[in-house]
N, C-alpha and C. Protein backbone atom coordinates (compact mmCIF):
# COMPACT_ATOMS: atom_id res chain seq x y z
N MET A 1 -8.28 -38.42 -33.02
CA MET A 1 -7.25 -39.42 -33.27
C MET A 1 -5.99 -39.07 -32.47
N ILE A 2 -5.44 -40.04 -31.80
CA ILE A 2 -4.29 -39.83 -30.93
C ILE A 2 -3.07 -39.37 -31.72
N ALA A 3 -2.83 -39.95 -32.87
CA ALA A 3 -1.66 -39.58 -33.66
C ALA A 3 -1.64 -38.08 -33.94
N LYS A 4 -2.78 -37.51 -34.25
CA LYS A 4 -2.85 -36.07 -34.53
C LYS A 4 -2.48 -35.26 -33.29
N GLU A 5 -2.92 -35.70 -32.12
CA GLU A 5 -2.59 -34.99 -30.89
C GLU A 5 -1.10 -35.07 -30.58
N VAL A 6 -0.51 -36.24 -30.77
CA VAL A 6 0.92 -36.40 -30.52
C VAL A 6 1.71 -35.54 -31.51
N MET A 7 1.33 -35.58 -32.77
CA MET A 7 2.04 -34.80 -33.79
C MET A 7 1.87 -33.30 -33.52
N LYS A 8 0.69 -32.89 -33.07
CA LYS A 8 0.47 -31.47 -32.74
C LYS A 8 1.39 -31.06 -31.60
N THR A 9 1.51 -31.90 -30.59
CA THR A 9 2.40 -31.62 -29.46
C THR A 9 3.84 -31.50 -29.95
N MET A 10 4.23 -32.39 -30.85
CA MET A 10 5.58 -32.33 -31.40
C MET A 10 5.80 -31.03 -32.17
N ILE A 11 4.84 -30.64 -32.98
CA ILE A 11 4.95 -29.39 -33.74
C ILE A 11 5.03 -28.20 -32.80
N ASP A 12 4.17 -28.18 -31.78
CA ASP A 12 4.16 -27.09 -30.81
C ASP A 12 5.51 -26.94 -30.11
N GLN A 13 6.21 -28.06 -29.93
CA GLN A 13 7.49 -28.05 -29.24
C GLN A 13 8.67 -28.04 -30.21
N ASP A 14 8.38 -27.95 -31.50
CA ASP A 14 9.41 -27.95 -32.53
C ASP A 14 10.29 -29.21 -32.46
N VAL A 15 9.61 -30.35 -32.28
CA VAL A 15 10.28 -31.64 -32.20
C VAL A 15 9.87 -32.46 -33.42
N THR A 16 10.84 -32.80 -34.24
CA THR A 16 10.57 -33.67 -35.40
C THR A 16 10.63 -35.12 -34.95
N LEU A 17 10.14 -36.01 -35.78
CA LEU A 17 10.22 -37.43 -35.47
C LEU A 17 11.68 -37.87 -35.38
N LYS A 18 12.51 -37.30 -36.23
CA LYS A 18 13.95 -37.61 -36.19
C LYS A 18 14.55 -37.17 -34.85
N LYS A 19 14.19 -35.98 -34.41
CA LYS A 19 14.70 -35.48 -33.13
C LYS A 19 14.16 -36.33 -31.98
N LEU A 20 12.88 -36.72 -32.04
CA LEU A 20 12.30 -37.57 -31.01
C LEU A 20 13.04 -38.91 -30.95
N ALA A 21 13.41 -39.43 -32.10
CA ALA A 21 14.19 -40.68 -32.15
C ALA A 21 15.53 -40.50 -31.45
N GLU A 22 16.18 -39.38 -31.68
CA GLU A 22 17.45 -39.09 -31.01
C GLU A 22 17.26 -38.95 -29.50
N MET A 23 16.16 -38.33 -29.10
CA MET A 23 15.88 -38.11 -27.68
C MET A 23 15.58 -39.40 -26.94
N THR A 24 14.92 -40.34 -27.61
CA THR A 24 14.45 -41.55 -26.95
C THR A 24 15.32 -42.78 -27.17
N GLY A 25 16.10 -42.77 -28.23
CA GLY A 25 16.92 -43.95 -28.54
C GLY A 25 16.18 -44.99 -29.37
N TYR A 26 14.96 -44.69 -29.75
CA TYR A 26 14.19 -45.59 -30.61
C TYR A 26 14.29 -45.11 -32.05
N THR A 27 14.07 -46.01 -32.99
CA THR A 27 14.18 -45.63 -34.39
C THR A 27 12.98 -44.79 -34.81
N TYR A 28 13.20 -44.02 -35.84
CA TYR A 28 12.15 -43.20 -36.48
C TYR A 28 10.96 -44.09 -36.82
N ASN A 29 11.24 -45.24 -37.46
CA ASN A 29 10.17 -46.15 -37.89
C ASN A 29 9.38 -46.69 -36.71
N HIS A 30 10.07 -47.10 -35.66
CA HIS A 30 9.36 -47.67 -34.50
C HIS A 30 8.47 -46.61 -33.83
N LEU A 31 9.01 -45.42 -33.66
CA LEU A 31 8.21 -44.35 -33.06
C LEU A 31 6.99 -44.03 -33.90
N SER A 32 7.17 -43.98 -35.20
CA SER A 32 6.06 -43.70 -36.11
C SER A 32 4.97 -44.77 -35.97
N LYS A 33 5.38 -46.02 -35.89
CA LYS A 33 4.42 -47.12 -35.75
C LYS A 33 3.66 -47.03 -34.43
N VAL A 34 4.35 -46.66 -33.36
CA VAL A 34 3.68 -46.52 -32.06
C VAL A 34 2.73 -45.33 -32.09
N ILE A 35 3.18 -44.21 -32.60
CA ILE A 35 2.35 -43.00 -32.64
C ILE A 35 1.09 -43.22 -33.47
N HIS A 36 1.21 -43.94 -34.57
CA HIS A 36 0.07 -44.15 -35.46
C HIS A 36 -0.75 -45.40 -35.13
N GLY A 37 -0.38 -46.09 -34.03
CA GLY A 37 -1.18 -47.20 -33.55
C GLY A 37 -0.95 -48.53 -34.23
N HIS A 38 0.12 -48.64 -35.02
CA HIS A 38 0.41 -49.92 -35.68
C HIS A 38 1.13 -50.88 -34.75
N VAL A 39 1.79 -50.33 -33.72
CA VAL A 39 2.45 -51.12 -32.69
C VAL A 39 2.00 -50.56 -31.35
N ASN A 40 1.56 -51.44 -30.45
CA ASN A 40 1.16 -51.01 -29.12
C ASN A 40 2.29 -51.28 -28.15
N SER A 41 2.80 -50.23 -27.54
CA SER A 41 3.85 -50.38 -26.54
C SER A 41 3.69 -49.30 -25.49
N GLU A 42 3.19 -49.69 -24.33
CA GLU A 42 3.01 -48.74 -23.24
C GLU A 42 4.36 -48.15 -22.84
N LYS A 43 5.40 -48.98 -22.85
CA LYS A 43 6.74 -48.53 -22.49
C LYS A 43 7.19 -47.39 -23.41
N VAL A 44 7.05 -47.56 -24.70
CA VAL A 44 7.48 -46.54 -25.66
C VAL A 44 6.59 -45.31 -25.55
N LYS A 45 5.30 -45.51 -25.34
CA LYS A 45 4.39 -44.38 -25.17
C LYS A 45 4.79 -43.55 -23.95
N LYS A 46 5.18 -44.21 -22.86
CA LYS A 46 5.62 -43.49 -21.67
C LYS A 46 6.89 -42.70 -21.95
N ILE A 47 7.80 -43.29 -22.70
CA ILE A 47 9.05 -42.62 -23.04
C ILE A 47 8.78 -41.41 -23.93
N ILE A 48 7.87 -41.56 -24.88
CA ILE A 48 7.50 -40.43 -25.74
C ILE A 48 6.89 -39.31 -24.91
N ALA A 49 5.97 -39.66 -24.02
CA ALA A 49 5.33 -38.66 -23.16
C ALA A 49 6.38 -37.94 -22.31
N PHE A 50 7.32 -38.69 -21.74
CA PHE A 50 8.37 -38.08 -20.93
C PHE A 50 9.22 -37.14 -21.77
N ALA A 51 9.61 -37.58 -22.96
CA ALA A 51 10.44 -36.76 -23.84
C ALA A 51 9.73 -35.46 -24.23
N LEU A 52 8.41 -35.54 -24.37
CA LEU A 52 7.63 -34.36 -24.76
C LEU A 52 7.12 -33.58 -23.54
N ARG A 53 7.54 -34.01 -22.35
CA ARG A 53 7.15 -33.35 -21.09
C ARG A 53 5.64 -33.27 -20.94
N LYS A 54 4.98 -34.39 -21.23
CA LYS A 54 3.52 -34.48 -21.11
C LYS A 54 3.17 -35.64 -20.20
N ASN A 55 2.05 -35.51 -19.52
CA ASN A 55 1.51 -36.59 -18.73
C ASN A 55 1.05 -37.69 -19.69
N PHE A 56 1.29 -38.95 -19.34
CA PHE A 56 0.92 -40.08 -20.20
C PHE A 56 -0.54 -40.03 -20.62
N ASP A 57 -1.43 -39.88 -19.64
CA ASP A 57 -2.87 -39.87 -19.93
C ASP A 57 -3.26 -38.66 -20.78
N GLU A 58 -2.62 -37.54 -20.55
CA GLU A 58 -2.90 -36.34 -21.32
C GLU A 58 -2.54 -36.54 -22.79
N LEU A 59 -1.44 -37.21 -23.03
CA LEU A 59 -0.98 -37.40 -24.41
C LEU A 59 -1.68 -38.56 -25.10
N TRP A 60 -1.85 -39.67 -24.39
CA TRP A 60 -2.36 -40.89 -25.02
C TRP A 60 -3.80 -41.20 -24.67
N GLY A 61 -4.31 -40.61 -23.62
CA GLY A 61 -5.67 -40.95 -23.18
C GLY A 61 -5.61 -42.10 -22.18
N GLU A 62 -6.57 -42.14 -21.32
CA GLU A 62 -6.58 -43.15 -20.26
C GLU A 62 -6.71 -44.57 -20.80
N GLY A 63 -7.31 -44.73 -21.98
CA GLY A 63 -7.50 -46.05 -22.56
C GLY A 63 -6.24 -46.70 -23.06
N SER A 64 -5.13 -45.99 -23.07
CA SER A 64 -3.88 -46.54 -23.58
C SER A 64 -3.16 -47.42 -22.58
N LYS A 65 -3.49 -47.31 -21.31
CA LYS A 65 -2.81 -48.13 -20.31
C LYS A 65 -3.18 -49.58 -20.51
N GLY A 66 -2.20 -50.43 -20.27
CA GLY A 66 -2.42 -51.85 -20.42
C GLY A 66 -1.99 -52.38 -21.78
N ASP A 67 -1.58 -51.50 -22.68
CA ASP A 67 -1.04 -51.95 -23.96
C ASP A 67 0.30 -52.62 -23.73
N LYS A 68 0.65 -53.49 -24.60
CA LYS A 68 1.94 -54.18 -24.47
C LYS A 68 2.98 -53.51 -25.31
C-alpha cells in the first residue's frame, strides 16, 4: 500500500504530517487525503515527493502518473 510507504518515509525522515503541511503549504487534511488515496492529485504528489527528497516514481509508483 502506497500510504504505508509514504508514512514510512516520513517517519524515517522525522517528518510529521503537520510538518509536511508547513513544508508544502497544503493543509494537513488535504495531504492526508492524497496520501491515503481519497484524493488523486499528481501535482500534490510531486510536491510531497520533492519535500521528502524522493523521486516521484520511487515514492508513488509508476502507476500514479496521469492522476488529476
